[in-house]
């Protein structure tokens, strides 16, 4: 199997890296400042559950780009959600 024949998986990994990386600046800013005033508890709660479900979906399909991206995003989302609950 050549690298080109596996292009859908590579697109998945690239999408996973970009969407997951987009959370890092928000998480870093929140960790540093502990300012959670601009974060909606309802939105982040629903988002975190959604990411957890995407992770389960990826595991059930053995779709590793989905698993990798959502595992990291879930960790970041849980950390931000935890700070929202702690520092409100």
PDB file of N, CA and C in Angstrom:
ATOM      1  N   UNK A   1       0.851  -1.187   0.000  1.00  0.00           N
ATOM      2  CA  UNK A   1       0.000   0.000   0.000  1.00  0.00           C
ATOM      3  C   UNK A   1       0.892   1.244   0.000  1.00  0.00           C
ATOM      4  N   UNK A   2       0.650   2.121  -0.921  1.00  0.00           N
ATOM      5  CA  UNK A   2       1.439   3.341  -0.997  1.00  0.00           C
ATOM      6  C   UNK A   2       0.814   4.429  -0.136  1.00  0.00           C
ATOM      7  N   UNK A   3       1.597   5.445   0.142  1.00  0.00           N
ATOM      8  CA  UNK A   3       1.103   6.572   0.950  1.00  0.00           C
ATOM      9  C   UNK A   3      -0.074   7.264   0.277  1.00  0.00           C
ATOM     10  N   UNK A   4      -0.067   7.328  -1.054  1.00  0.00           N
ATOM     11  CA  UNK A   4      -1.149   7.992  -1.769  1.00  0.00           C
ATOM     12  C   UNK A   4      -2.459   7.208  -1.706  1.00  0.00           C
ATOM     13  N   UNK A   5      -2.391   5.907  -1.603  1.00  0.00           N
ATOM     14  CA  UNK A   5      -3.616   5.119  -1.534  1.00  0.00           C
ATOM     15  C   UNK A   5      -4.298   5.266  -0.180  1.00  0.00           C
ATOM     16  N   UNK A   6      -3.594   5.804   0.763  1.00  0.00           N
ATOM     17  CA  UNK A   6      -4.131   5.988   2.108  1.00  0.00           C
ATOM     18  C   UNK A   6      -4.448   7.459   2.386  1.00  0.00           C
ATOM     19  N   UNK A   7      -4.709   8.225   1.337  1.00  0.00           N
ATOM     20  CA  UNK A   7      -4.906   9.671   1.482  1.00  0.00           C
ATOM     21  C   UNK A   7      -6.099  10.038   2.353  1.00  0.00           C
ATOM     22  N   UNK A   8      -7.208   9.291   2.377  1.00  0.00           N
ATOM     23  CA  UNK A   8      -8.301   9.688   3.272  1.00  0.00           C
ATOM     24  C   UNK A   8      -7.878   9.683   4.749  1.00  0.00           C
ATOM     25  N   UNK A   9      -7.055   8.710   5.125  1.00  0.00           N
ATOM     26  CA  UNK A   9      -6.587   8.669   6.511  1.00  0.00           C
ATOM     27  C   UNK A   9      -5.656   9.841   6.809  1.00  0.00           C
ATOM     28  N   UNK A  10      -4.812  10.207   5.840  1.00  0.00           N
ATOM     29  CA  UNK A  10      -3.920  11.350   6.031  1.00  0.00           C
ATOM     30  C   UNK A  10      -4.722  12.650   6.168  1.00  0.00           C
ATOM     31  N   UNK A  11      -5.785  12.773   5.396  1.00  0.00           N
ATOM     32  CA  UNK A  11      -6.664  13.942   5.530  1.00  0.00           C
ATOM     33  C   UNK A  11      -7.284  13.955   6.923  1.00  0.00           C
ATOM     34  N   UNK A  12      -7.683  12.794   7.402  1.00  0.00           N
ATOM     35  CA  UNK A  12      -8.232  12.695   8.753  1.00  0.00           C
ATOM     36  C   UNK A  12      -7.238  13.115   9.818  1.00  0.00           C
ATOM     37  N   UNK A  13      -6.001  12.663   9.688  1.00  0.00           N
ATOM     38  CA  UNK A  13      -4.967  13.066  10.653  1.00  0.00           C
ATOM     39  C   UNK A  13      -4.694  14.564  10.594  1.00  0.00           C
ATOM     40  N   UNK A  14      -4.648  15.127   9.395  1.00  0.00           N
ATOM     41  CA  UNK A  14      -4.419  16.566   9.263  1.00  0.00           C
ATOM     42  C   UNK A  14      -5.575  17.355   9.878  1.00  0.00           C
ATOM     43  N   UNK A  15      -6.801  16.942   9.589  1.00  0.00           N
ATOM     44  CA  UNK A  15      -7.966  17.602  10.176  1.00  0.00           C
ATOM     45  C   UNK A  15      -7.940  17.478  11.697  1.00  0.00           C
ATOM     46  N   UNK A  16      -7.582  16.314  12.189  1.00  0.00           N
ATOM     47  CA  UNK A  16      -7.512  16.083  13.637  1.00  0.00           C
ATOM     48  C   UNK A  16      -6.467  16.998  14.285  1.00  0.00           C
ATOM     49  N   UNK A  17      -5.314  17.097  13.661  1.00  0.00           N
ATOM     50  CA  UNK A  17      -4.256  17.952  14.222  1.00  0.00           C
ATOM     51  C   UNK A  17      -4.684  19.414  14.247  1.00  0.00           C
ATOM     52  N   UNK A  18      -5.277  19.889  13.166  1.00  0.00           N
ATOM     53  CA  UNK A  18      -5.657  21.301  13.095  1.00  0.00           C
ATOM     54  C   UNK A  18      -6.776  21.645  14.075  1.00  0.00           C
ATOM     55  N   UNK A  19      -7.815  20.803  14.137  1.00  0.00           N
ATOM     56  CA  UNK A  19      -8.920  21.127  15.042  1.00  0.00           C
ATOM     57  C   UNK A  19      -8.504  20.991  16.500  1.00  0.00           C
ATOM     58  N   UNK A  20      -7.672  20.029  16.801  1.00  0.00           N
ATOM     59  CA  UNK A  20      -7.195  19.868  18.174  1.00  0.00           C
ATOM     60  C   UNK A  20      -6.252  21.014  18.543  1.00  0.00           C
ATOM     61  N   UNK A  21      -5.357  21.375  17.635  1.00  0.00           N
ATOM     62  CA  UNK A  21      -4.424  22.474  17.901  1.00  0.00           C
ATOM     63  C   UNK A  21      -5.156  23.793  18.122  1.00  0.00           C
ATOM     64  N   UNK A  22      -6.334  23.940  17.535  1.00  0.00           N
ATOM     65  CA  UNK A  22      -7.080  25.185  17.717  1.00  0.00           C
ATOM     66  C   UNK A  22      -7.529  25.386  19.167  1.00  0.00           C
ATOM     67  N   UNK A  23      -7.589  24.328  19.946  1.00  0.00           N
ATOM     68  CA  UNK A  23      -7.980  24.444  21.354  1.00  0.00           C
ATOM     69  C   UNK A  23      -6.821  24.830  22.257  1.00  0.00           C
ATOM     70  N   UNK A  24      -5.613  24.593  21.832  1.00  0.00           N
ATOM     71  CA  UNK A  24      -4.456  24.829  22.693  1.00  0.00           C
ATOM     72  C   UNK A  24      -4.339  26.293  23.140  1.00  0.00           C
ATOM     73  N   UNK A  25      -4.481  27.289  22.263  1.00  0.00           N
ATOM     74  CA  UNK A  25      -4.357  28.678  22.739  1.00  0.00           C
ATOM     75  C   UNK A  25      -5.411  29.038  23.798  1.00  0.00           C
ATOM     76  N   UNK A  26      -6.655  28.599  23.612  1.00  0.00           N
ATOM     77  CA  UNK A  26      -7.699  28.883  24.605  1.00  0.00           C
ATOM     78  C   UNK A  26      -7.381  28.204  25.933  1.00  0.00           C
ATOM     79  N   UNK A  27      -6.961  26.948  25.865  1.00  0.00           N
ATOM     80  CA  UNK A  27      -6.623  26.227  27.090  1.00  0.00           C
ATOM     81  C   UNK A  27      -5.442  26.892  27.789  1.00  0.00           C
ATOM     82  N   UNK A  28      -4.415  27.256  27.032  1.00  0.00           N
ATOM     83  CA  UNK A  28      -3.228  27.885  27.613  1.00  0.00           C
ATOM     84  C   UNK A  28      -3.586  29.219  28.271  1.00  0.00           C
ATOM     85  N   UNK A  29      -4.373  30.035  27.583  1.00  0.00           N
ATOM     86  CA  UNK A  29      -4.791  31.321  28.142  1.00  0.00           C
ATOM     87  C   UNK A  29      -5.610  31.125  29.413  1.00  0.00           C
ATOM     88  N   UNK A  30      -6.492  30.157  29.401  1.00  0.00           N
ATOM     89  CA  UNK A  30      -7.320  29.893  30.571  1.00  0.00           C
ATOM     90  C   UNK A  30      -6.472  29.378  31.726  1.00  0.00           C
ATOM     91  N   UNK A  31      -5.520  28.494  31.450  1.00  0.00           N
ATOM     92  CA  UNK A  31      -4.632  27.993  32.503  1.00  0.00           C
ATOM     93  C   UNK A  31      -3.826  29.123  33.126  1.00  0.00           C
ATOM     94  N   UNK A  32      -3.301  30.005  32.264  1.00  0.00           N
ATOM     95  CA  UNK A  32      -2.460  31.101  32.752  1.00  0.00           C
ATOM     96  C   UNK A  32      -3.249  32.138  33.517  1.00  0.00           C
ATOM     97  N   UNK A  33      -4.373  32.577  32.981  1.00  0.00           N
ATOM     98  CA  UNK A  33      -5.116  33.700  33.561  1.00  0.00           C
ATOM     99  C   UNK A  33      -6.156  33.271  34.582  1.00  0.00           C
ATOM    100  N   UNK A  34      -6.606  32.043  34.485  1.00  0.00           N
ATOM    101  CA  UNK A  34      -7.708  31.541  35.312  1.00  0.00           C
ATOM    102  C   UNK A  34      -8.978  32.371  35.133  1.00  0.00           C
ATOM    103  N   UNK A  35      -9.051  33.074  34.016  1.00  0.00           N
ATOM    104  CA  UNK A  35     -10.233  33.875  33.694  1.00  0.00           C
ATOM    105  C   UNK A  35     -11.169  33.018  32.855  1.00  0.00           C
ATOM    106  N   UNK A  36     -12.279  32.658  33.446  1.00  0.00           N
ATOM    107  CA  UNK A  36     -13.252  31.811  32.766  1.00  0.00           C
ATOM    108  C   UNK A  36     -14.562  32.552  32.523  1.00  0.00           C
ATOM    109  N   UNK A  37     -14.534  33.862  32.684  1.00  0.00           N
ATOM    110  CA  UNK A  37     -15.764  34.647  32.570  1.00  0.00           C
ATOM    111  C   UNK A  37     -16.358  34.603  31.163  1.00  0.00           C
ATOM    112  N   UNK A  38     -15.539  34.424  30.159  1.00  0.00           N
ATOM    113  CA  UNK A  38     -16.032  34.402  28.788  1.00  0.00           C
ATOM    114  C   UNK A  38     -16.416  33.021  28.294  1.00  0.00           C
ATOM    115  N   UNK A  39     -16.393  32.035  29.171  1.00  0.00           N
ATOM    116  CA  UNK A  39     -16.687  30.664  28.783  1.00  0.00           C
ATOM    117  C   UNK A  39     -18.073  30.287  29.288  1.00  0.00           C
ATOM    118  N   UNK A  40     -18.909  29.814  28.394  1.00  0.00           N
ATOM    119  CA  UNK A  40     -20.262  29.400  28.737  1.00  0.00           C
ATOM    120  C   UNK A  40     -20.234  27.994  29.329  1.00  0.00           C
ATOM    121  N   UNK A  41     -20.741  27.850  30.552  1.00  0.00           N
ATOM    122  CA  UNK A  41     -20.772  26.545  31.202  1.00  0.00           C
ATOM    123  C   UNK A  41     -21.650  25.575  30.411  1.00  0.00           C
ATOM    124  N   UNK A  42     -22.804  26.041  29.950  1.00  0.00           N
ATOM    125  CA  UNK A  42     -23.696  25.178  29.179  1.00  0.00           C
ATOM    126  C   UNK A  42     -23.067  24.712  27.887  1.00  0.00           C
ATOM    127  N   UNK A  43     -22.475  25.634  27.153  1.00  0.00           N
ATOM    128  CA  UNK A  43     -21.860  25.293  25.866  1.00  0.00           C
ATOM    129  C   UNK A  43     -20.708  24.316  26.070  1.00  0.00           C
ATOM    130  N   UNK A  44     -19.838  24.596  27.040  1.00  0.00           N
ATOM    131  CA  UNK A  44     -18.690  23.723  27.244  1.00  0.00           C
ATOM    132  C   UNK A  44     -19.104  22.364  27.769  1.00  0.00           C
ATOM    133  N   UNK A  45     -20.176  22.297  28.548  1.00  0.00           N
ATOM    134  CA  UNK A  45     -20.675  21.006  29.036  1.00  0.00           C
ATOM    135  C   UNK A  45     -21.167  20.159  27.874  1.00  0.00           C
ATOM    136  N   UNK A  46     -21.993  20.745  27.020  1.00  0.00           N
ATOM    137  CA  UNK A  46     -22.523  20.020  25.861  1.00  0.00           C
ATOM    138  C   UNK A  46     -21.394  19.657  24.905  1.00  0.00           C
ATOM    139  N   UNK A  47     -20.476  20.574  24.678  1.00  0.00           N
ATOM    140  CA  UNK A  47     -19.339  20.324  23.796  1.00  0.00           C
ATOM    141  C   UNK A  47     -18.505  19.154  24.313  1.00  0.00           C
ATOM    142  N   UNK A  48     -18.235  19.132  25.614  1.00  0.00           N
ATOM    143  CA  UNK A  48     -17.408  18.083  26.203  1.00  0.00           C
ATOM    144  C   UNK A  48     -18.074  16.720  26.069  1.00  0.00           C
ATOM    145  N   UNK A  49     -19.366  16.652  26.294  1.00  0.00           N
ATOM    146  CA  UNK A  49     -20.090  15.389  26.098  1.00  0.00           C
ATOM    147  C   UNK A  49     -20.026  14.974  24.626  1.00  0.00           C
ATOM    148  N   UNK A  50     -20.188  15.923  23.726  1.00  0.00           N
ATOM    149  CA  UNK A  50     -20.091  15.621  22.297  1.00  0.00           C
ATOM    150  C   UNK A  50     -18.729  15.079  21.916  1.00  0.00           C
ATOM    151  N   UNK A  51     -17.677  15.670  22.436  1.00  0.00           N
ATOM    152  CA  UNK A  51     -16.320  15.193  22.144  1.00  0.00           C
ATOM    153  C   UNK A  51     -16.125  13.782  22.706  1.00  0.00           C
ATOM    154  N   UNK A  52     -16.653  13.537  23.895  1.00  0.00           N
ATOM    155  CA  UNK A  52     -16.551  12.194  24.477  1.00  0.00           C
ATOM    156  C   UNK A  52     -17.260  11.171  23.590  1.00  0.00           C
ATOM    157  N   UNK A  53     -18.413  11.544  23.050  1.00  0.00           N
ATOM    158  CA  UNK A  53     -19.134  10.636  22.161  1.00  0.00           C
ATOM    159  C   UNK A  53     -18.387  10.407  20.848  1.00  0.00           C
ATOM    160  N   UNK A  54     -17.749  11.453  20.316  1.00  0.00           N
ATOM    161  CA  UNK A  54     -16.912  11.285  19.121  1.00  0.00           C
ATOM    162  C   UNK A  54     -15.762  10.327  19.412  1.00  0.00           C
ATOM    163  N   UNK A  55     -15.198  10.423  20.604  1.00  0.00           N
ATOM    164  CA  UNK A  55     -14.111   9.519  20.991  1.00  0.00           C
ATOM    165  C   UNK A  55     -14.607   8.075  21.019  1.00  0.00           C
ATOM    166  N   UNK A  56     -15.760   7.837  21.623  1.00  0.00           N
ATOM    167  CA  UNK A  56     -16.338   6.489  21.657  1.00  0.00           C
ATOM    168  C   UNK A  56     -16.612   5.997  20.234  1.00  0.00           C
ATOM    169  N   UNK A  57     -17.174   6.859  19.404  1.00  0.00           N
ATOM    170  CA  UNK A  57     -17.451   6.523  18.002  1.00  0.00           C
ATOM    171  C   UNK A  57     -16.162   6.113  17.289  1.00  0.00           C
ATOM    172  N   UNK A  58     -15.115   6.896  17.464  1.00  0.00           N
ATOM    173  CA  UNK A  58     -13.833   6.571  16.839  1.00  0.00           C
ATOM    174  C   UNK A  58     -13.283   5.245  17.323  1.00  0.00           C
ATOM    175  N   UNK A  59     -13.428   4.981  18.618  1.00  0.00           N
ATOM    176  CA  UNK A  59     -12.965   3.707  19.166  1.00  0.00           C
ATOM    177  C   UNK A  59     -13.756   2.535  18.580  1.00  0.00           C
ATOM    178  N   UNK A  60     -15.064   2.704  18.474  1.00  0.00           N
ATOM    179  CA  UNK A  60     -15.900   1.637  17.931  1.00  0.00           C
ATOM    180  C   UNK A  60     -15.559   1.326  16.473  1.00  0.00           C
ATOM    181  N   UNK A  61     -15.166   2.348  15.727  1.00  0.00           N
ATOM    182  CA  UNK A  61     -14.801   2.167  14.318  1.00  0.00           C
ATOM    183  C   UNK A  61     -13.317   1.876  14.112  1.00  0.00           C
ATOM    184  N   UNK A  62     -12.536   1.970  15.185  1.00  0.00           N
ATOM    185  CA  UNK A  62     -11.073   1.890  15.088  1.00  0.00           C
ATOM    186  C   UNK A  62     -10.544   2.939  14.123  1.00  0.00           C
ATOM    187  N   UNK A  63     -11.144   4.121  14.167  1.00  0.00           N
ATOM    188  CA  UNK A  63     -10.738   5.243  13.321  1.00  0.00           C
ATOM    189  C   UNK A  63      -9.755   6.094  14.126  1.00  0.00           C
ATOM    190  N   UNK A  64      -8.486   5.798  13.972  1.00  0.00           N
ATOM    191  CA  UNK A  64      -7.468   6.383  14.844  1.00  0.00           C
ATOM    192  C   UNK A  64      -7.316   7.893  14.725  1.00  0.00           C
ATOM    193  N   UNK A  65      -7.524   8.518  13.571  1.00  0.00           N
ATOM    194  CA  UNK A  65      -7.492   9.983  13.562  1.00  0.00           C
ATOM    195  C   UNK A  65      -8.589  10.569  14.452  1.00  0.00           C
ATOM    196  N   UNK A  66      -9.762   9.971  14.439  1.00  0.00           N
ATOM    197  CA  UNK A  66     -10.866  10.448  15.282  1.00  0.00           C
ATOM    198  C   UNK A  66     -10.543  10.209  16.746  1.00  0.00           C
ATOM    199  N   UNK A  67      -9.993   9.051  17.054  1.00  0.00           N
ATOM    200  CA  UNK A  67      -9.639   8.725  18.437  1.00  0.00           C
ATOM    201  C   UNK A  67      -8.577   9.683  18.951  1.00  0.00           C
ATOM    202  N   UNK A  68      -7.511   9.867  18.201  1.00  0.00           N
ATOM    203  CA  UNK A  68      -6.404  10.715  18.653  1.00  0.00           C
ATOM    204  C   UNK A  68      -6.863  12.153  18.883  1.00  0.00           C
ATOM    205  N   UNK A  69      -7.559  12.694  17.909  1.00  0.00           N
ATOM    206  CA  UNK A  69      -7.994  14.086  18.023  1.00  0.00           C
ATOM    207  C   UNK A  69      -8.946  14.279  19.191  1.00  0.00           C
ATOM    208  N   UNK A  70      -9.899  13.394  19.329  1.00  0.00           N
ATOM    209  CA  UNK A  70     -10.898  13.584  20.364  1.00  0.00           C
ATOM    210  C   UNK A  70     -10.386  13.243  21.752  1.00  0.00           C
ATOM    211  N   UNK A  71      -9.396  12.381  21.866  1.00  0.00           N
ATOM    212  CA  UNK A  71      -8.787  12.116  23.173  1.00  0.00           C
ATOM    213  C   UNK A  71      -8.086  13.372  23.694  1.00  0.00           C
ATOM    214  N   UNK A  72      -7.313  14.012  22.824  1.00  0.00           N
ATOM    215  CA  UNK A  72      -6.610  15.239  23.231  1.00  0.00           C
ATOM    216  C   UNK A  72      -7.605  16.370  23.468  1.00  0.00           C
ATOM    217  N   UNK A  73      -8.565  16.539  22.560  1.00  0.00           N
ATOM    218  CA  UNK A  73      -9.555  17.605  22.716  1.00  0.00           C
ATOM    219  C   UNK A  73     -10.391  17.392  23.968  1.00  0.00           C
ATOM    220  N   UNK A  74     -10.731  16.147  24.280  1.00  0.00           N
ATOM    221  CA  UNK A  74     -11.497  15.864  25.496  1.00  0.00           C
ATOM    222  C   UNK A  74     -10.697  16.240  26.738  1.00  0.00           C
ATOM    223  N   UNK A  75      -9.417  15.932  26.758  1.00  0.00           N
ATOM    224  CA  UNK A  75      -8.580  16.303  27.904  1.00  0.00           C
ATOM    225  C   UNK A  75      -8.554  17.823  28.085  1.00  0.00           C
ATOM    226  N   UNK A  76      -8.374  18.553  26.985  1.00  0.00           N
ATOM    227  CA  UNK A  76      -8.354  20.014  27.064  1.00  0.00           C
ATOM    228  C   UNK A  76      -9.718  20.571  27.475  1.00  0.00           C
ATOM    229  N   UNK A  77     -10.786  20.039  26.887  1.00  0.00           N
ATOM    230  CA  UNK A  77     -12.130  20.520  27.210  1.00  0.00           C
ATOM    231  C   UNK A  77     -12.481  20.236  28.663  1.00  0.00           C
ATOM    232  N   UNK A  78     -12.103  19.059  29.162  1.00  0.00           N
ATOM    233  CA  UNK A  78     -12.361  18.737  30.567  1.00  0.00           C
ATOM    234  C   UNK A  78     -11.576  19.658  31.497  1.00  0.00           C
ATOM    235  N   UNK A  79     -10.352  19.978  31.118  1.00  0.00           N
ATOM    236  CA  UNK A  79      -9.554  20.891  31.932  1.00  0.00           C
ATOM    237  C   UNK A  79     -10.194  22.279  31.978  1.00  0.00           C
ATOM    238  N   UNK A  80     -10.627  22.781  30.836  1.00  0.00           N
ATOM    239  CA  UNK A  80     -11.273  24.098  30.789  1.00  0.00           C
ATOM    240  C   UNK A  80     -12.595  24.062  31.544  1.00  0.00           C
ATOM    241  N   UNK A  81     -13.375  23.010  31.365  1.00  0.00           N
ATOM    242  CA  UNK A  81     -14.641  22.869  32.077  1.00  0.00           C
ATOM    243  C   UNK A  81     -14.401  22.799  33.584  1.00  0.00           C
ATOM    244  N   UNK A  82     -13.391  22.074  33.982  1.00  0.00           N
ATOM    245  CA  UNK A  82     -13.035  22.001  35.406  1.00  0.00           C
ATOM    246  C   UNK A  82     -12.661  23.361  35.969  1.00  0.00           C
ATOM    247  N   UNK A  83     -11.901  24.139  35.205  1.00  0.00           N
ATOM    248  CA  UNK A  83     -11.555  25.485  35.661  1.00  0.00           C
ATOM    249  C   UNK A  83     -12.772  26.380  35.723  1.00  0.00           C
ATOM    250  N   UNK A  84     -13.682  26.216  34.774  1.00  0.00           N
ATOM    251  CA  UNK A  84     -14.925  27.013  34.789  1.00  0.00           C
ATOM    252  C   UNK A  84     -15.701  26.728  36.066  1.00  0.00           C
ATOM    253  N   UNK A  85     -15.781  25.473  36.442  1.00  0.00           N
ATOM    254  CA  UNK A  85     -16.494  25.106  37.671  1.00  0.00           C
ATOM    255  C   UNK A  85     -15.749  25.570  38.923  1.00  0.00           C
ATOM    256  N   UNK A  86     -14.434  25.501  38.888  1.00  0.00           N
ATOM    257  CA  UNK A  86     -13.635  25.886  40.063  1.00  0.00           C
ATOM    258  C   UNK A  86     -13.514  27.394  40.262  1.00  0.00           C
ATOM    259  N   UNK A  87     -13.306  28.138  39.166  1.00  0.00           N
ATOM    260  CA  UNK A  87     -12.999  29.573  39.275  1.00  0.00           C
ATOM    261  C   UNK A  87     -14.157  30.483  38.929  1.00  0.00           C
ATOM    262  N   UNK A  88     -15.370  29.963  38.850  1.00  0.00           N
ATOM    263  CA  UNK A  88     -16.462  30.865  38.473  1.00  0.00           C
ATOM    264  C   UNK A  88     -16.600  31.884  39.518  1.00  0.00           C
TER     265      UNK A  88
END
